Amino acid sequence: MALKTKMTERLKKIIVCNVDKCNGCQICEFVCSFTKEKVFNSRKSRIFVVRIEPFLNLALTCKKCDDPPCVRACPTEAVQRLSDETIKIDEEKCIGCGWCVEACEFGVMRLNLETGIAFVCDYCRDIGEPQCVKYCPKDALRYITIEQAARELSKKAVKSIVQELLSACITTI
């Protein structure tokens, strides 16, 4: 059973950001806020860009945790994990306490300050594909499985190591 759970976990799709391509333009945030809220307002976006250094940007969104702390933290059971592993907020049950926001390990659960209702990325499940990925002008966002992401990172790491080794060999010759 545990092996099946691990395999299922690796095959679920998430939004992954390539930091080498992300320029911090925030178009993903505006596309998201317009898609979900019909306004261009990054504070109402379900994805957000984090600037780690002057030239390092990373777009973050829900990671579809296997055992979501946001679901466990909700005292009214308003935060639910659906069968496709996306998180849904039952607006009728949400009391705006913010426990789900505080419990989110990635900091992607938010509270709408106007309505007092929590919100989080649902991967545009009602549309069929994440709009932030579709409209990213730099193709920095991808909607791929964790397995695909791991393979791509491994390839990138090997390529980097080989380049460093070649540089070291050329330098010593």
C-alpha atoms as a PDB file:
ATOM      1  CA  MET A   1       0.000   0.000   0.000  1.00  0.00           C
ATOM      2  CA  ALA A   2       2.780   2.449   0.895  1.00  0.00           C
ATOM      3  CA  LEU A   3       4.549   1.793  -2.440  1.00  0.00           C
ATOM      4  CA  LYS A   4       1.323   2.480  -4.359  1.00  0.00           C
ATOM      5  CA  THR A   5       0.860   5.753  -2.444  1.00  0.00           C
ATOM      6  CA  LYS A   6       4.452   6.801  -3.233  1.00  0.00           C
ATOM      7  CA  MET A   7       3.959   6.021  -6.948  1.00  0.00           C
ATOM      8  CA  THR A   8       0.660   7.918  -7.069  1.00  0.00           C
ATOM      9  CA  GLU A   9       2.337  10.862  -5.317  1.00  0.00           C
ATOM     10  CA  ARG A  10       5.072  11.017  -7.974  1.00  0.00           C
ATOM     11  CA  LEU A  11       2.545  10.925 -10.826  1.00  0.00           C
ATOM     12  CA  LYS A  12       0.384  13.817  -9.669  1.00  0.00           C
ATOM     13  CA  LYS A  13       0.763  17.017 -11.650  1.00  0.00           C
ATOM     14  CA  ILE A  14       1.851  20.282 -10.094  1.00  0.00           C
ATOM     15  CA  ILE A  15       2.951  23.667 -11.389  1.00  0.00           C
ATOM     16  CA  VAL A  16       6.735  23.896 -11.452  1.00  0.00           C
ATOM     17  CA  CYS A  17       8.692  27.118 -11.990  1.00  0.00           C
ATOM     18  CA  ASN A  18      12.018  27.164 -13.811  1.00  0.00           C
ATOM     19  CA  VAL A  19      13.996  29.844 -11.968  1.00  0.00           C
ATOM     20  CA  ASP A  20      16.382  30.160 -14.919  1.00  0.00           C
ATOM     21  CA  LYS A  21      13.487  31.374 -17.080  1.00  0.00           C
ATOM     22  CA  CYS A  22      11.305  33.290 -14.597  1.00  0.00           C
ATOM     23  CA  ASN A  23      11.977  37.026 -14.825  1.00  0.00           C
ATOM     24  CA  GLY A  24       9.490  38.047 -12.122  1.00  0.00           C
ATOM     25  CA  CYS A  25       7.101  39.764 -14.561  1.00  0.00           C
ATOM     26  CA  GLN A  26       4.076  38.669 -12.476  1.00  0.00           C
ATOM     27  CA  ILE A  27       1.953  37.997 -15.556  1.00  0.00           C
ATOM     28  CA  CYS A  28       1.056  34.653 -13.969  1.00  0.00           C
ATOM     29  CA  GLU A  29      -0.367  36.533 -10.975  1.00  0.00           C
ATOM     30  CA  PHE A  30      -2.454  38.876 -13.113  1.00  0.00           C
ATOM     31  CA  VAL A  31      -3.711  36.068 -15.376  1.00  0.00           C
ATOM     32  CA  CYS A  32      -4.714  34.112 -12.272  1.00  0.00           C
ATOM     33  CA  SER A  33      -6.478  36.998 -10.545  1.00  0.00           C
ATOM     34  CA  PHE A  34      -8.369  37.854 -13.715  1.00  0.00           C
ATOM     35  CA  THR A  35      -9.297  34.209 -14.362  1.00  0.00           C
ATOM     36  CA  LYS A  36     -10.558  33.653 -10.812  1.00  0.00           C
ATOM     37  CA  GLU A  37     -11.671  37.103  -9.619  1.00  0.00           C
ATOM     38  CA  LYS A  38     -12.171  39.110 -12.852  1.00  0.00           C
ATOM     39  CA  VAL A  39      -9.716  41.781 -11.632  1.00  0.00           C
ATOM     40  CA  PHE A  40      -6.034  42.408 -12.248  1.00  0.00           C
ATOM     41  CA  ASN A  41      -4.859  42.289  -8.642  1.00  0.00           C
ATOM     42  CA  SER A  42      -1.867  40.228  -7.548  1.00  0.00           C
ATOM     43  CA  ARG A  43      -3.256  40.040  -4.001  1.00  0.00           C
ATOM     44  CA  LYS A  44      -6.139  37.970  -5.344  1.00  0.00           C
ATOM     45  CA  SER A  45      -3.890  35.586  -7.262  1.00  0.00           C
ATOM     46  CA  ARG A  46      -3.534  31.911  -6.386  1.00  0.00           C
ATOM     47  CA  ILE A  47       0.067  31.923  -7.641  1.00  0.00           C
ATOM     48  CA  PHE A  48       2.649  34.439  -6.583  1.00  0.00           C
ATOM     49  CA  VAL A  49       6.185  35.389  -7.463  1.00  0.00           C
ATOM     50  CA  VAL A  50       8.792  35.430  -4.732  1.00  0.00           C
ATOM     51  CA  ARG A  51      11.964  37.424  -5.278  1.00  0.00           C
ATOM     52  CA  ILE A  52      14.718  35.602  -3.443  1.00  0.00           C
ATOM     53  CA  GLU A  53      17.623  37.683  -4.720  1.00  0.00           C
ATOM     54  CA  PRO A  54      17.738  40.597  -7.137  1.00  0.00           C
ATOM     55  CA  PHE A  55      17.853  38.185 -10.079  1.00  0.00           C
ATOM     56  CA  LEU A  56      16.215  35.058  -8.674  1.00  0.00           C
ATOM     57  CA  ASN A  57      12.441  34.760  -8.991  1.00  0.00           C
ATOM     58  CA  LEU A  58      10.240  31.812  -8.197  1.00  0.00           C
ATOM     59  CA  ALA A  59       6.501  31.458  -8.776  1.00  0.00           C
ATOM     60  CA  LEU A  60       4.784  29.408  -6.067  1.00  0.00           C
ATOM     61  CA  THR A  61       1.403  27.754  -5.878  1.00  0.00           C
ATOM     62  CA  CYS A  62      -0.285  24.824  -4.115  1.00  0.00           C
ATOM     63  CA  LYS A  63       1.834  21.669  -4.132  1.00  0.00           C
ATOM     64  CA  LYS A  64      -1.077  19.276  -3.551  1.00  0.00           C
ATOM     65  CA  CYS A  65       0.425  17.860  -0.357  1.00  0.00           C
ATOM     66  CA  ASP A  66      -0.168  14.185   0.315  1.00  0.00           C
ATOM     67  CA  ASP A  67      -1.508  14.961   3.797  1.00  0.00           C
ATOM     68  CA  PRO A  68      -2.362  18.679   3.551  1.00  0.00           C
ATOM     69  CA  PRO A  69      -1.783  20.569   6.808  1.00  0.00           C
ATOM     70  CA  CYS A  70      -4.280  23.215   5.639  1.00  0.00           C
ATOM     71  CA  VAL A  71      -7.041  20.582   5.645  1.00  0.00           C
ATOM     72  CA  ARG A  72      -6.064  19.282   9.091  1.00  0.00           C
ATOM     73  CA  ALA A  73      -5.882  22.815  10.533  1.00  0.00           C
ATOM     74  CA  CYS A  74      -9.370  23.916   9.512  1.00  0.00           C
ATOM     75  CA  PRO A  75     -11.703  23.832  12.538  1.00  0.00           C
ATOM     76  CA  THR A  76     -14.882  23.939  10.409  1.00  0.00           C
ATOM     77  CA  GLU A  77     -13.838  21.429   7.710  1.00  0.00           C
ATOM     78  CA  ALA A  78     -14.164  24.167   5.088  1.00  0.00           C
ATOM     79  CA  VAL A  79     -10.839  23.180   3.524  1.00  0.00           C
ATOM     80  CA  GLN A  80     -11.231  19.934   1.631  1.00  0.00           C
ATOM     81  CA  ARG A  81      -8.935  17.799  -0.505  1.00  0.00           C
ATOM     82  CA  LEU A  82     -10.733  16.603  -3.628  1.00  0.00           C
ATOM     83  CA  SER A  83     -10.195  13.302  -5.437  1.00  0.00           C
ATOM     84  CA  ASP A  84      -7.909  15.013  -7.988  1.00  0.00           C
ATOM     85  CA  GLU A  85      -5.821  16.234  -5.008  1.00  0.00           C
ATOM     86  CA  THR A  86      -6.702  19.900  -5.453  1.00  0.00           C
ATOM     87  CA  ILE A  87      -7.803  21.861  -2.420  1.00  0.00           C
ATOM     88  CA  LYS A  88     -11.291  23.340  -2.312  1.00  0.00           C
ATOM     89  CA  ILE A  89     -12.635  25.905   0.122  1.00  0.00           C
ATOM     90  CA  ASP A  90     -16.282  25.589   1.092  1.00  0.00           C
ATOM     91  CA  GLU A  91     -17.162  29.274   1.321  1.00  0.00           C
ATOM     92  CA  GLU A  92     -20.266  28.496   3.386  1.00  0.00           C
ATOM     93  CA  LYS A  93     -18.163  26.848   6.100  1.00  0.00           C
ATOM     94  CA  CYS A  94     -15.092  29.134   6.029  1.00  0.00           C
ATOM     95  CA  ILE A  95     -15.046  31.504   9.006  1.00  0.00           C
ATOM     96  CA  GLY A  96     -11.866  33.304   7.975  1.00  0.00           C
ATOM     97  CA  CYS A  97      -9.873  32.219  11.020  1.00  0.00           C
ATOM     98  CA  GLY A  98      -6.681  31.836   8.972  1.00  0.00           C
ATOM     99  CA  TRP A  99      -5.562  28.548  10.512  1.00  0.00           C
ATOM    100  CA  CYS A 100      -5.216  27.038   7.029  1.00  0.00           C
ATOM    101  CA  VAL A 101      -3.069  29.986   5.940  1.00  0.00           C
ATOM    102  CA  GLU A 102      -0.813  29.557   8.958  1.00  0.00           C
ATOM    103  CA  ALA A 103      -0.574  25.783   8.479  1.00  0.00           C
ATOM    104  CA  CYS A 104       0.435  25.884   4.800  1.00  0.00           C
ATOM    105  CA  GLU A 105       4.097  24.884   4.644  1.00  0.00           C
ATOM    106  CA  PHE A 106       4.612  26.637   1.303  1.00  0.00           C
ATOM    107  CA  GLY A 107       2.823  29.868   2.215  1.00  0.00           C
ATOM    108  CA  VAL A 108       0.451  29.620  -0.740  1.00  0.00           C
ATOM    109  CA  MET A 109      -2.873  29.496   1.109  1.00  0.00           C
ATOM    110  CA  ARG A 110      -4.294  32.991   1.396  1.00  0.00           C
ATOM    111  CA  LEU A 111      -7.157  34.894   2.976  1.00  0.00           C
ATOM    112  CA  ASN A 112      -9.239  37.326   0.924  1.00  0.00           C
ATOM    113  CA  LEU A 113      -9.205  40.446   3.087  1.00  0.00           C
ATOM    114  CA  GLU A 114     -12.464  41.737   1.576  1.00  0.00           C
ATOM    115  CA  THR A 115     -14.547  38.581   2.001  1.00  0.00           C
ATOM    116  CA  GLY A 116     -12.687  36.912   4.877  1.00  0.00           C
ATOM    117  CA  ILE A 117     -12.669  33.637   2.904  1.00  0.00           C
ATOM    118  CA  ALA A 118      -9.547  31.530   2.375  1.00  0.00           C
ATOM    119  CA  PHE A 119      -8.426  30.721  -1.158  1.00  0.00           C
ATOM    120  CA  VAL A 120      -5.785  28.604  -2.869  1.00  0.00           C
ATOM    121  CA  CYS A 121      -4.852  27.418  -6.360  1.00  0.00           C
ATOM    122  CA  ASP A 122      -7.192  24.798  -7.783  1.00  0.00           C
ATOM    123  CA  TYR A 123      -5.135  24.406 -10.971  1.00  0.00           C
ATOM    124  CA  CYS A 124      -8.018  25.961 -12.942  1.00  0.00           C
ATOM    125  CA  ARG A 125      -9.824  22.633 -12.652  1.00  0.00           C
ATOM    126  CA  ASP A 126     -13.046  24.210 -13.927  1.00  0.00           C
ATOM    127  CA  ILE A 127     -11.255  25.370 -17.113  1.00  0.00           C
ATOM    128  CA  GLY A 128      -9.135  22.293 -17.702  1.00  0.00           C
ATOM    129  CA  GLU A 129      -5.605  23.705 -17.558  1.00  0.00           C
ATOM    130  CA  PRO A 130      -3.764  26.232 -15.400  1.00  0.00           C
ATOM    131  CA  GLN A 131      -4.037  29.592 -17.126  1.00  0.00           C
ATOM    132  CA  CYS A 132      -0.836  30.896 -15.498  1.00  0.00           C
ATOM    133  CA  VAL A 133       1.103  28.146 -17.305  1.00  0.00           C
ATOM    134  CA  LYS A 134      -0.680  28.799 -20.585  1.00  0.00           C
ATOM    135  CA  TYR A 135       0.089  32.526 -20.601  1.00  0.00           C
ATOM    136  CA  CYS A 136       3.600  32.614 -19.071  1.00  0.00           C
ATOM    137  CA  PRO A 137       5.554  34.630 -21.662  1.00  0.00           C
ATOM    138  CA  LYS A 138       8.884  33.014 -20.760  1.00  0.00           C
ATOM    139  CA  ASP A 139       7.588  29.406 -20.539  1.00  0.00           C
ATOM    140  CA  ALA A 140       8.946  29.375 -16.992  1.00  0.00           C
ATOM    141  CA  LEU A 141       5.866  27.569 -15.671  1.00  0.00           C
ATOM    142  CA  ARG A 142       5.067  23.968 -16.483  1.00  0.00           C
ATOM    143  CA  TYR A 143       2.224  21.703 -15.403  1.00  0.00           C
ATOM    144  CA  ILE A 144       4.021  18.397 -15.036  1.00  0.00           C
ATOM    145  CA  THR A 145       4.248  15.382 -12.756  1.00  0.00           C
ATOM    146  CA  ILE A 146       6.623  15.334  -9.815  1.00  0.00           C
ATOM    147  CA  GLU A 147       8.426  12.480 -11.603  1.00  0.00           C
ATOM    148  CA  GLN A 148       8.988  14.651 -14.702  1.00  0.00           C
ATOM    149  CA  ALA A 149      10.213  17.534 -12.550  1.00  0.00           C
ATOM    150  CA  ALA A 150      12.642  15.250 -10.717  1.00  0.00           C
ATOM    151  CA  ARG A 151      14.017  13.874 -14.006  1.00  0.00           C
ATOM    152  CA  GLU A 152      14.515  17.378 -15.416  1.00  0.00           C
ATOM    153  CA  LEU A 153      16.324  18.533 -12.274  1.00  0.00           C
ATOM    154  CA  SER A 154      18.564  15.452 -12.383  1.00  0.00           C
ATOM    155  CA  LYS A 155      19.482  16.126 -16.011  1.00  0.00           C
ATOM    156  CA  LYS A 156      20.231  19.767 -15.197  1.00  0.00           C
ATOM    157  CA  ALA A 157      22.423  18.762 -12.228  1.00  0.00           C
ATOM    158  CA  VAL A 158      24.382  16.203 -14.281  1.00  0.00           C
ATOM    159  CA  LYS A 159      24.901  18.730 -17.093  1.00  0.00           C
ATOM    160  CA  SER A 160      26.171  21.302 -14.583  1.00  0.00           C
ATOM    161  CA  ILE A 161      28.574  18.812 -12.974  1.00  0.00           C
ATOM    162  CA  VAL A 162      29.929  17.724 -16.369  1.00  0.00           C
ATOM    163  CA  GLN A 163      30.500  21.367 -17.366  1.00  0.00           C
ATOM    164  CA  GLU A 164      32.328  22.059 -14.094  1.00  0.00           C
ATOM    165  CA  LEU A 165      34.505  18.961 -14.564  1.00  0.00           C
ATOM    166  CA  LEU A 166      35.323  19.944 -18.146  1.00  0.00           C
ATOM    167  CA  SER A 167      36.196  23.478 -17.011  1.00  0.00           C
ATOM    168  CA  ALA A 168      38.445  22.074 -14.270  1.00  0.00           C
ATOM    169  CA  CYS A 169      40.175  19.747 -16.755  1.00  0.00           C
ATOM    170  CA  ILE A 170      40.762  22.532 -19.277  1.00  0.00           C
ATOM    171  CA  THR A 171      42.104  24.815 -16.531  1.00  0.00           C
ATOM    172  CA  THR A 172      44.638  22.204 -15.342  1.00  0.00           C
ATOM    173  CA  ILE A 173      45.923  21.426 -18.862  1.00  0.00           C
END
